[in-house]
Amino acid sequence: MPLFDFVCRSCGTQFESLVRPAPYGDPPTACPSCRSEDLDRLLATFAVKSAEKTQAAAAAKNAKAASVARRDHIAELQDQEKHRKEDH
């Protein structure tokens, strides 16, 4: 059963939806935000691959990991300071 990406023409929401063949009698796909059936089907993201896209994804992952590491380090320092104050 194919999974398709859509954009709603009414509200601009992008979403993905499972679309089964017509014999199953499923209702037409509707926007989850505004329930409109005025949709455009987008190109599947797996169909487009480039070195720039891969590098951008890796950079975003590394930036997120660095942010989490900084936050964890700050929390650890604050916890150490708290315990140091309690001991004195």
PDB file of N, CA and C in Angstrom:
ATOM      1  N   MET A   1       0.850  -1.177   0.000  1.00  0.00           N
ATOM      2  CA  MET A   1       0.000   0.000   0.000  1.00  0.00           C
ATOM      3  C   MET A   1       0.893   1.237   0.000  1.00  0.00           C
ATOM      4  N   PRO A   2       0.716   2.065  -0.972  1.00  0.00           N
ATOM      5  CA  PRO A   2       1.615   3.220  -1.103  1.00  0.00           C
ATOM      6  C   PRO A   2       1.332   4.335  -0.105  1.00  0.00           C
ATOM      7  N   LEU A   3       2.393   4.936   0.330  1.00  0.00           N
ATOM      8  CA  LEU A   3       2.345   6.081   1.218  1.00  0.00           C
ATOM      9  C   LEU A   3       2.733   7.299   0.392  1.00  0.00           C
ATOM     10  N   PHE A   4       1.869   8.309   0.344  1.00  0.00           N
ATOM     11  CA  PHE A   4       2.098   9.492  -0.473  1.00  0.00           C
ATOM     12  C   PHE A   4       2.190  10.735   0.402  1.00  0.00           C
ATOM     13  N   ASP A   5       2.962  11.710  -0.074  1.00  0.00           N
ATOM     14  CA  ASP A   5       3.044  13.015   0.569  1.00  0.00           C
ATOM     15  C   ASP A   5       2.068  13.948  -0.134  1.00  0.00           C
ATOM     16  N   PHE A   6       1.369  14.756   0.658  1.00  0.00           N
ATOM     17  CA  PHE A   6       0.394  15.700   0.125  1.00  0.00           C
ATOM     18  C   PHE A   6       0.618  17.080   0.711  1.00  0.00           C
ATOM     19  N   VAL A   7       0.125  18.111   0.023  1.00  0.00           N
ATOM     20  CA  VAL A   7       0.037  19.456   0.573  1.00  0.00           C
ATOM     21  C   VAL A   7      -1.394  19.924   0.328  1.00  0.00           C
ATOM     22  N   CYS A   8      -1.995  20.492   1.353  1.00  0.00           N
ATOM     23  CA  CYS A   8      -3.376  20.971   1.256  1.00  0.00           C
ATOM     24  C   CYS A   8      -3.378  22.336   0.573  1.00  0.00           C
ATOM     25  N   ARG A   9      -4.205  22.489  -0.446  1.00  0.00           N
ATOM     26  CA  ARG A   9      -4.314  23.778  -1.141  1.00  0.00           C
ATOM     27  C   ARG A   9      -5.052  24.801  -0.291  1.00  0.00           C
ATOM     28  N   SER A  10      -5.865  24.347   0.642  1.00  0.00           N
ATOM     29  CA  SER A  10      -6.655  25.271   1.466  1.00  0.00           C
ATOM     30  C   SER A  10      -5.837  25.908   2.585  1.00  0.00           C
ATOM     31  N   CYS A  11      -5.085  25.068   3.333  1.00  0.00           N
ATOM     32  CA  CYS A  11      -4.378  25.603   4.504  1.00  0.00           C
ATOM     33  C   CYS A  11      -2.860  25.480   4.421  1.00  0.00           C
ATOM     34  N   GLY A  12      -2.340  24.748   3.427  1.00  0.00           N
ATOM     35  CA  GLY A  12      -0.900  24.629   3.248  1.00  0.00           C
ATOM     36  C   GLY A  12      -0.226  23.555   4.077  1.00  0.00           C
ATOM     37  N   THR A  13      -0.990  22.779   4.832  1.00  0.00           N
ATOM     38  CA  THR A  13      -0.423  21.717   5.652  1.00  0.00           C
ATOM     39  C   THR A  13       0.183  20.632   4.779  1.00  0.00           C
ATOM     40  N   GLN A  14       1.387  20.178   5.130  1.00  0.00           N
ATOM     41  CA  GLN A  14       1.999  19.046   4.436  1.00  0.00           C
ATOM     42  C   GLN A  14       1.860  17.825   5.320  1.00  0.00           C
ATOM     43  N   PHE A  15       1.488  16.684   4.714  1.00  0.00           N
ATOM     44  CA  PHE A  15       1.298  15.456   5.479  1.00  0.00           C
ATOM     45  C   PHE A  15       1.468  14.269   4.560  1.00  0.00           C
ATOM     46  N   GLU A  16       1.541  13.073   5.156  1.00  0.00           N
ATOM     47  CA  GLU A  16       1.597  11.864   4.360  1.00  0.00           C
ATOM     48  C   GLU A  16       0.387  11.011   4.680  1.00  0.00           C
ATOM     49  N   SER A  17      -0.021  10.216   3.701  1.00  0.00           N
ATOM     50  CA  SER A  17      -1.226   9.427   3.872  1.00  0.00           C
ATOM     51  C   SER A  17      -1.096   8.109   3.117  1.00  0.00           C
ATOM     52  N   LEU A  18      -1.635   7.075   3.699  1.00  0.00           N
ATOM     53  CA  LEU A  18      -1.690   5.766   3.059  1.00  0.00           C
ATOM     54  C   LEU A  18      -2.855   5.776   2.083  1.00  0.00           C
ATOM     55  N   VAL A  19      -2.580   5.459   0.829  1.00  0.00           N
ATOM     56  CA  VAL A  19      -3.624   5.477  -0.191  1.00  0.00           C
ATOM     57  C   VAL A  19      -3.755   4.067  -0.748  1.00  0.00           C
ATOM     58  N   ARG A  20      -4.894   3.447  -0.469  1.00  0.00           N
ATOM     59  CA  ARG A  20      -5.133   2.088  -0.960  1.00  0.00           C
ATOM     60  C   ARG A  20      -5.852   2.136  -2.299  1.00  0.00           C
ATOM     61  N   PRO A  21      -5.753   1.060  -3.061  1.00  0.00           N
ATOM     62  CA  PRO A  21      -6.440   1.021  -4.362  1.00  0.00           C
ATOM     63  C   PRO A  21      -7.952   1.205  -4.223  1.00  0.00           C
ATOM     64  N   ALA A  22      -8.586   1.699  -5.284  1.00  0.00           N
ATOM     65  CA  ALA A  22     -10.014   2.041  -5.287  1.00  0.00           C
ATOM     66  C   ALA A  22     -10.941   0.894  -4.856  1.00  0.00           C
ATOM     67  N   PRO A  23     -10.678  -0.366  -5.170  1.00  0.00           N
ATOM     68  CA  PRO A  23     -11.623  -1.424  -4.779  1.00  0.00           C
ATOM     69  C   PRO A  23     -11.885  -1.531  -3.279  1.00  0.00           C
ATOM     70  N   TYR A  24     -11.014  -0.975  -2.456  1.00  0.00           N
ATOM     71  CA  TYR A  24     -11.213  -1.047  -1.016  1.00  0.00           C
ATOM     72  C   TYR A  24     -12.288  -0.080  -0.528  1.00  0.00           C
ATOM     73  N   GLY A  25     -12.668   0.866  -1.358  1.00  0.00           N
ATOM     74  CA  GLY A  25     -13.749   1.778  -1.013  1.00  0.00           C
ATOM     75  C   GLY A  25     -13.410   2.793   0.059  1.00  0.00           C
ATOM     76  N   ASP A  26     -12.131   3.074   0.257  1.00  0.00           N
ATOM     77  CA  ASP A  26     -11.738   4.084   1.247  1.00  0.00           C
ATOM     78  C   ASP A  26     -12.194   5.463   0.799  1.00  0.00           C
ATOM     79  N   PRO A  27     -12.557   6.321   1.743  1.00  0.00           N
ATOM     80  CA  PRO A  27     -12.912   7.695   1.369  1.00  0.00           C
ATOM     81  C   PRO A  27     -11.681   8.416   0.826  1.00  0.00           C
ATOM     82  N   PRO A  28     -11.853   9.467   0.039  1.00  0.00           N
ATOM     83  CA  PRO A  28     -10.707  10.220  -0.470  1.00  0.00           C
ATOM     84  C   PRO A  28      -9.876  10.779   0.690  1.00  0.00           C
ATOM     85  N   THR A  29      -8.590  10.927   0.453  1.00  0.00           N
ATOM     86  CA  THR A  29      -7.699  11.494   1.464  1.00  0.00           C
ATOM     87  C   THR A  29      -8.112  12.928   1.755  1.00  0.00           C
ATOM     88  N   ALA A  30      -8.104  13.299   3.035  1.00  0.00           N
ATOM     89  CA  ALA A  30      -8.460  14.657   3.451  1.00  0.00           C
ATOM     90  C   ALA A  30      -7.346  15.214   4.332  1.00  0.00           C
ATOM     91  N   CYS A  31      -7.203  16.521   4.339  1.00  0.00           N
ATOM     92  CA  CYS A  31      -6.208  17.207   5.162  1.00  0.00           C
ATOM     93  C   CYS A  31      -6.519  16.962   6.640  1.00  0.00           C
ATOM     94  N   PRO A  32      -5.520  16.566   7.442  1.00  0.00           N
ATOM     95  CA  PRO A  32      -5.771  16.332   8.866  1.00  0.00           C
ATOM     96  C   PRO A  32      -6.052  17.620   9.646  1.00  0.00           C
ATOM     97  N   SER A  33      -5.648  18.774   9.094  1.00  0.00           N
ATOM     98  CA  SER A  33      -5.859  20.041   9.804  1.00  0.00           C
ATOM     99  C   SER A  33      -7.233  20.638   9.538  1.00  0.00           C
ATOM    100  N   CYS A  34      -7.580  20.743   8.222  1.00  0.00           N
ATOM    101  CA  CYS A  34      -8.830  21.443   7.893  1.00  0.00           C
ATOM    102  C   CYS A  34      -9.870  20.544   7.232  1.00  0.00           C
ATOM    103  N   ARG A  35      -9.539  19.270   7.025  1.00  0.00           N
ATOM    104  CA  ARG A  35     -10.432  18.258   6.439  1.00  0.00           C
ATOM    105  C   ARG A  35     -10.753  18.522   4.963  1.00  0.00           C
ATOM    106  N   SER A  36     -10.049  19.424   4.315  1.00  0.00           N
ATOM    107  CA  SER A  36     -10.268  19.702   2.899  1.00  0.00           C
ATOM    108  C   SER A  36      -9.754  18.535   2.059  1.00  0.00           C
ATOM    109  N   GLU A  37     -10.421  18.275   0.945  1.00  0.00           N
ATOM    110  CA  GLU A  37      -9.969  17.249   0.015  1.00  0.00           C
ATOM    111  C   GLU A  37      -9.279  17.868  -1.199  1.00  0.00           C
ATOM    112  N   ASP A  38      -9.028  19.186  -1.164  1.00  0.00           N
ATOM    113  CA  ASP A  38      -8.351  19.903  -2.246  1.00  0.00           C
ATOM    114  C   ASP A  38      -6.844  19.808  -2.005  1.00  0.00           C
ATOM    115  N   LEU A  39      -6.230  18.722  -2.503  1.00  0.00           N
ATOM    116  CA  LEU A  39      -4.850  18.390  -2.197  1.00  0.00           C
ATOM    117  C   LEU A  39      -4.000  18.278  -3.454  1.00  0.00           C
ATOM    118  N   ASP A  40      -2.704  18.507  -3.298  1.00  0.00           N
ATOM    119  CA  ASP A  40      -1.719  18.222  -4.341  1.00  0.00           C
ATOM    120  C   ASP A  40      -0.817  17.115  -3.819  1.00  0.00           C
ATOM    121  N   ARG A  41      -0.565  16.112  -4.669  1.00  0.00           N
ATOM    122  CA  ARG A  41       0.354  15.048  -4.276  1.00  0.00           C
ATOM    123  C   ARG A  41       1.768  15.514  -4.603  1.00  0.00           C
ATOM    124  N   LEU A  42       2.686  15.354  -3.641  1.00  0.00           N
ATOM    125  CA  LEU A  42       4.070  15.791  -3.803  1.00  0.00           C
ATOM    126  C   LEU A  42       4.935  14.638  -4.283  1.00  0.00           C
ATOM    127  N   LEU A  43       6.106  14.982  -4.815  1.00  0.00           N
ATOM    128  CA  LEU A  43       7.084  13.957  -5.151  1.00  0.00           C
ATOM    129  C   LEU A  43       7.561  13.301  -3.870  1.00  0.00           C
ATOM    130  N   ALA A  44       7.751  12.008  -3.922  1.00  0.00           N
ATOM    131  CA  ALA A  44       8.233  11.290  -2.752  1.00  0.00           C
ATOM    132  C   ALA A  44       9.645  11.753  -2.435  1.00  0.00           C
ATOM    133  N   THR A  45       9.942  11.948  -1.168  1.00  0.00           N
ATOM    134  CA  THR A  45      11.258  12.448  -0.779  1.00  0.00           C
ATOM    135  C   THR A  45      12.357  11.441  -1.058  1.00  0.00           C
ATOM    136  N   PHE A  46      12.038  10.146  -1.062  1.00  0.00           N
ATOM    137  CA  PHE A  46      13.071   9.159  -1.341  1.00  0.00           C
ATOM    138  C   PHE A  46      13.485   9.175  -2.801  1.00  0.00           C
ATOM    139  N   ALA A  47      12.690   9.799  -3.663  1.00  0.00           N
ATOM    140  CA  ALA A  47      12.995   9.837  -5.085  1.00  0.00           C
ATOM    141  C   ALA A  47      14.080  10.852  -5.404  1.00  0.00           C
ATOM    142  N   VAL A  48      14.340  11.770  -4.497  1.00  0.00           N
ATOM    143  CA  VAL A  48      15.320  12.814  -4.729  1.00  0.00           C
ATOM    144  C   VAL A  48      16.452  12.648  -3.712  1.00  0.00           C
ATOM    145  N   LYS A  49      17.668  12.428  -4.211  1.00  0.00           N
ATOM    146  CA  LYS A  49      18.803  12.269  -3.319  1.00  0.00           C
ATOM    147  C   LYS A  49      19.982  13.030  -3.905  1.00  0.00           C
ATOM    148  N   SER A  50      20.644  13.763  -3.063  1.00  0.00           N
ATOM    149  CA  SER A  50      21.806  14.499  -3.523  1.00  0.00           C
ATOM    150  C   SER A  50      22.830  14.572  -2.406  1.00  0.00           C
ATOM    151  N   ALA A  51      24.049  14.863  -2.798  1.00  0.00           N
ATOM    152  CA  ALA A  51      25.110  14.987  -1.805  1.00  0.00           C
ATOM    153  C   ALA A  51      24.815  16.147  -0.861  1.00  0.00           C
ATOM    154  N   GLU A  52      24.256  17.248  -1.399  1.00  0.00           N
ATOM    155  CA  GLU A  52      23.948  18.404  -0.563  1.00  0.00           C
ATOM    156  C   GLU A  52      22.896  18.057   0.480  1.00  0.00           C
ATOM    157  N   LYS A  53      21.888  17.293   0.073  1.00  0.00           N
ATOM    158  CA  LYS A  53      20.824  16.914   0.999  1.00  0.00           C
ATOM    159  C   LYS A  53      21.386  16.015   2.106  1.00  0.00           C
ATOM    160  N   THR A  54      22.254  15.082   1.719  1.00  0.00           N
ATOM    161  CA  THR A  54      22.871  14.189   2.693  1.00  0.00           C
ATOM    162  C   THR A  54      23.757  14.969   3.655  1.00  0.00           C
ATOM    163  N   GLN A  55      24.543  15.903   3.135  1.00  0.00           N
ATOM    164  CA  GLN A  55      25.407  16.721   3.993  1.00  0.00           C
ATOM    165  C   GLN A  55      24.586  17.603   4.928  1.00  0.00           C
ATOM    166  N   ALA A  56      23.479  18.142   4.420  1.00  0.00           N
ATOM    167  CA  ALA A  56      22.623  18.986   5.256  1.00  0.00           C
ATOM    168  C   ALA A  56      22.014  18.169   6.394  1.00  0.00           C
ATOM    169  N   ALA A  57      21.595  16.951   6.090  1.00  0.00           N
ATOM    170  CA  ALA A  57      21.018  16.095   7.125  1.00  0.00           C
ATOM    171  C   ALA A  57      22.070  15.744   8.182  1.00  0.00           C
ATOM    172  N   ALA A  58      23.293  15.458   7.740  1.00  0.00           N
ATOM    173  CA  ALA A  58      24.369  15.136   8.682  1.00  0.00           C
ATOM    174  C   ALA A  58      24.710  16.345   9.538  1.00  0.00           C
ATOM    175  N   ALA A  59      24.749  17.522   8.934  1.00  0.00           N
ATOM    176  CA  ALA A  59      25.052  18.741   9.688  1.00  0.00           C
ATOM    177  C   ALA A  59      23.972  19.016  10.729  1.00  0.00           C
ATOM    178  N   ALA A  60      22.705  18.817  10.357  1.00  0.00           N
ATOM    179  CA  ALA A  60      21.606  19.029  11.301  1.00  0.00           C
ATOM    180  C   ALA A  60      21.693  18.039  12.462  1.00  0.00           C
ATOM    181  N   LYS A  61      22.029  16.792  12.156  1.00  0.00           N
ATOM    182  CA  LYS A  61      22.164  15.773  13.204  1.00  0.00           C
ATOM    183  C   LYS A  61      23.303  16.131  14.154  1.00  0.00           C
ATOM    184  N   ASN A  62      24.440  16.567  13.587  1.00  0.00           N
ATOM    185  CA  ASN A  62      25.585  16.941  14.419  1.00  0.00           C
ATOM    186  C   ASN A  62      25.284  18.161  15.278  1.00  0.00           C
ATOM    187  N   ALA A  63      24.578  19.135  14.722  1.00  0.00           N
ATOM    188  CA  ALA A  63      24.218  20.329  15.480  1.00  0.00           C
ATOM    189  C   ALA A  63      23.304  19.970  16.647  1.00  0.00           C
ATOM    190  N   LYS A  64      22.354  19.078  16.396  1.00  0.00           N
ATOM    191  CA  LYS A  64      21.441  18.659  17.462  1.00  0.00           C
ATOM    192  C   LYS A  64      22.209  17.913  18.555  1.00  0.00           C
ATOM    193  N   ALA A  65      23.114  17.032  18.147  1.00  0.00           N
ATOM    194  CA  ALA A  65      23.901  16.273  19.128  1.00  0.00           C
ATOM    195  C   ALA A  65      24.755  17.219  19.971  1.00  0.00           C
ATOM    196  N   ALA A  66      25.344  18.227  19.347  1.00  0.00           N
ATOM    197  CA  ALA A  66      26.158  19.192  20.086  1.00  0.00           C
ATOM    198  C   ALA A  66      25.306  19.980  21.064  1.00  0.00           C
ATOM    199  N   SER A  67      24.109  20.343  20.649  1.00  0.00           N
ATOM    200  CA  SER A  67      23.205  21.086  21.521  1.00  0.00           C
ATOM    201  C   SER A  67      22.815  20.249  22.745  1.00  0.00           C
ATOM    202  N   VAL A  68      22.514  18.993  22.513  1.00  0.00           N
ATOM    203  CA  VAL A  68      22.152  18.097  23.616  1.00  0.00           C
ATOM    204  C   VAL A  68      23.344  17.924  24.554  1.00  0.00           C
ATOM    205  N   ALA A  69      24.544  17.764  23.994  1.00  0.00           N
ATOM    206  CA  ALA A  69      25.737  17.598  24.824  1.00  0.00           C
ATOM    207  C   ALA A  69      25.986  18.842  25.672  1.00  0.00           C
ATOM    208  N   ARG A  70      25.822  20.034  25.081  1.00  0.00           N
ATOM    209  CA  ARG A  70      25.990  21.277  25.844  1.00  0.00           C
ATOM    210  C   ARG A  70      24.976  21.358  26.977  1.00  0.00           C
ATOM    211  N   ARG A  71      23.727  21.037  26.669  1.00  0.00           N
ATOM    212  CA  ARG A  71      22.673  21.100  27.687  1.00  0.00           C
ATOM    213  C   ARG A  71      22.969  20.118  28.826  1.00  0.00           C
ATOM    214  N   ASP A  72      23.404  18.900  28.467  1.00  0.00           N
ATOM    215  CA  ASP A  72      23.725  17.902  29.489  1.00  0.00           C
ATOM    216  C   ASP A  72      24.915  18.346  30.342  1.00  0.00           C
ATOM    217  N   HIS A  73      25.915  18.941  29.697  1.00  0.00           N
ATOM    218  CA  HIS A  73      27.097  19.416  30.427  1.00  0.00           C
ATOM    219  C   HIS A  73      26.717  20.526  31.406  1.00  0.00           C
ATOM    220  N   ILE A  74      25.899  21.456  30.972  1.00  0.00           N
ATOM    221  CA  ILE A  74      25.448  22.551  31.845  1.00  0.00           C
ATOM    222  C   ILE A  74      24.657  21.995  33.028  1.00  0.00           C
ATOM    223  N   ALA A  75      23.785  21.031  32.758  1.00  0.00           N
ATOM    224  CA  ALA A  75      22.990  20.431  33.832  1.00  0.00           C
ATOM    225  C   ALA A  75      23.892  19.720  34.832  1.00  0.00           C
ATOM    226  N   GLU A  76      24.923  19.052  34.333  1.00  0.00           N
ATOM    227  CA  GLU A  76      25.859  18.364  35.217  1.00  0.00           C
ATOM    228  C   GLU A  76      26.627  19.360  36.085  1.00  0.00           C
ATOM    229  N   LEU A  77      27.080  20.456  35.483  1.00  0.00           N
ATOM    230  CA  LEU A  77      27.785  21.481  36.255  1.00  0.00           C
ATOM    231  C   LEU A  77      26.894  22.097  37.320  1.00  0.00           C
ATOM    232  N   GLN A  78      25.646  22.355  36.985  1.00  0.00           N
ATOM    233  CA  GLN A  78      24.699  22.912  37.953  1.00  0.00           C
ATOM    234  C   GLN A  78      24.454  21.934  39.093  1.00  0.00           C
ATOM    235  N   ASP A  79      24.348  20.657  38.758  1.00  0.00           N
ATOM    236  CA  ASP A  79      24.125  19.636  39.779  1.00  0.00           C
ATOM    237  C   ASP A  79      25.331  19.537  40.710  1.00  0.00           C
ATOM    238  N   GLN A  80      26.535  19.586  40.140  1.00  0.00           N
ATOM    239  CA  GLN A  80      27.746  19.548  40.961  1.00  0.00           C
ATOM    240  C   GLN A  80      27.807  20.751  41.899  1.00  0.00           C
ATOM    241  N   GLU A  81      27.471  21.920  41.376  1.00  0.00           N
ATOM    242  CA  GLU A  81      27.488  23.138  42.195  1.00  0.00           C
ATOM    243  C   GLU A  81      26.469  23.034  43.335  1.00  0.00           C
ATOM    244  N   LYS A  82      25.320  22.490  43.044  1.00  0.00           N
ATOM    245  CA  LYS A  82      24.274  22.329  44.054  1.00  0.00           C
ATOM    246  C   LYS A  82      24.769  21.418  45.177  1.00  0.00           C
ATOM    247  N   HIS A  83      25.399  20.300  44.814  1.00  0.00           N
ATOM    248  CA  HIS A  83      25.903  19.373  45.820  1.00  0.00           C
ATOM    249  C   HIS A  83      27.068  19.968  46.603  1.00  0.00           C
ATOM    250  N   ARG A  84      27.881  20.771  45.945  1.00  0.00           N
ATOM    251  CA  ARG A  84      28.998  21.424  46.618  1.00  0.00           C
ATOM    252  C   ARG A  84      28.478  22.392  47.684  1.00  0.00           C
ATOM    253  N   LYS A  85      27.403  23.127  47.366  1.00  0.00           N
ATOM    254  CA  LYS A  85      26.813  24.065  48.317  1.00  0.00           C
ATOM    255  C   LYS A  85      26.163  23.320  49.486  1.00  0.00           C
ATOM    256  N   GLU A  86      25.567  22.160  49.207  1.00  0.00           N
ATOM    257  CA  GLU A  86      24.925  21.395  50.268  1.00  0.00           C
ATOM    258  C   GLU A  86      25.954  20.807  51.243  1.00  0.00           C
ATOM    259  N   ASP A  87      27.140  20.489  50.725  1.00  0.00           N
ATOM    260  CA  ASP A  87      28.180  19.887  51.569  1.00  0.00           C
ATOM    261  C   ASP A  87      28.857  20.905  52.479  1.00  0.00           C
ATOM    262  N   HIS A  88      28.737  22.207  52.160  1.00  0.00           N
ATOM    263  CA  HIS A  88      29.420  23.223  52.967  1.00  0.00           C
ATOM    264  C   HIS A  88      28.499  23.953  53.847  1.00  0.00           C
TER     265      HIS A  88
END
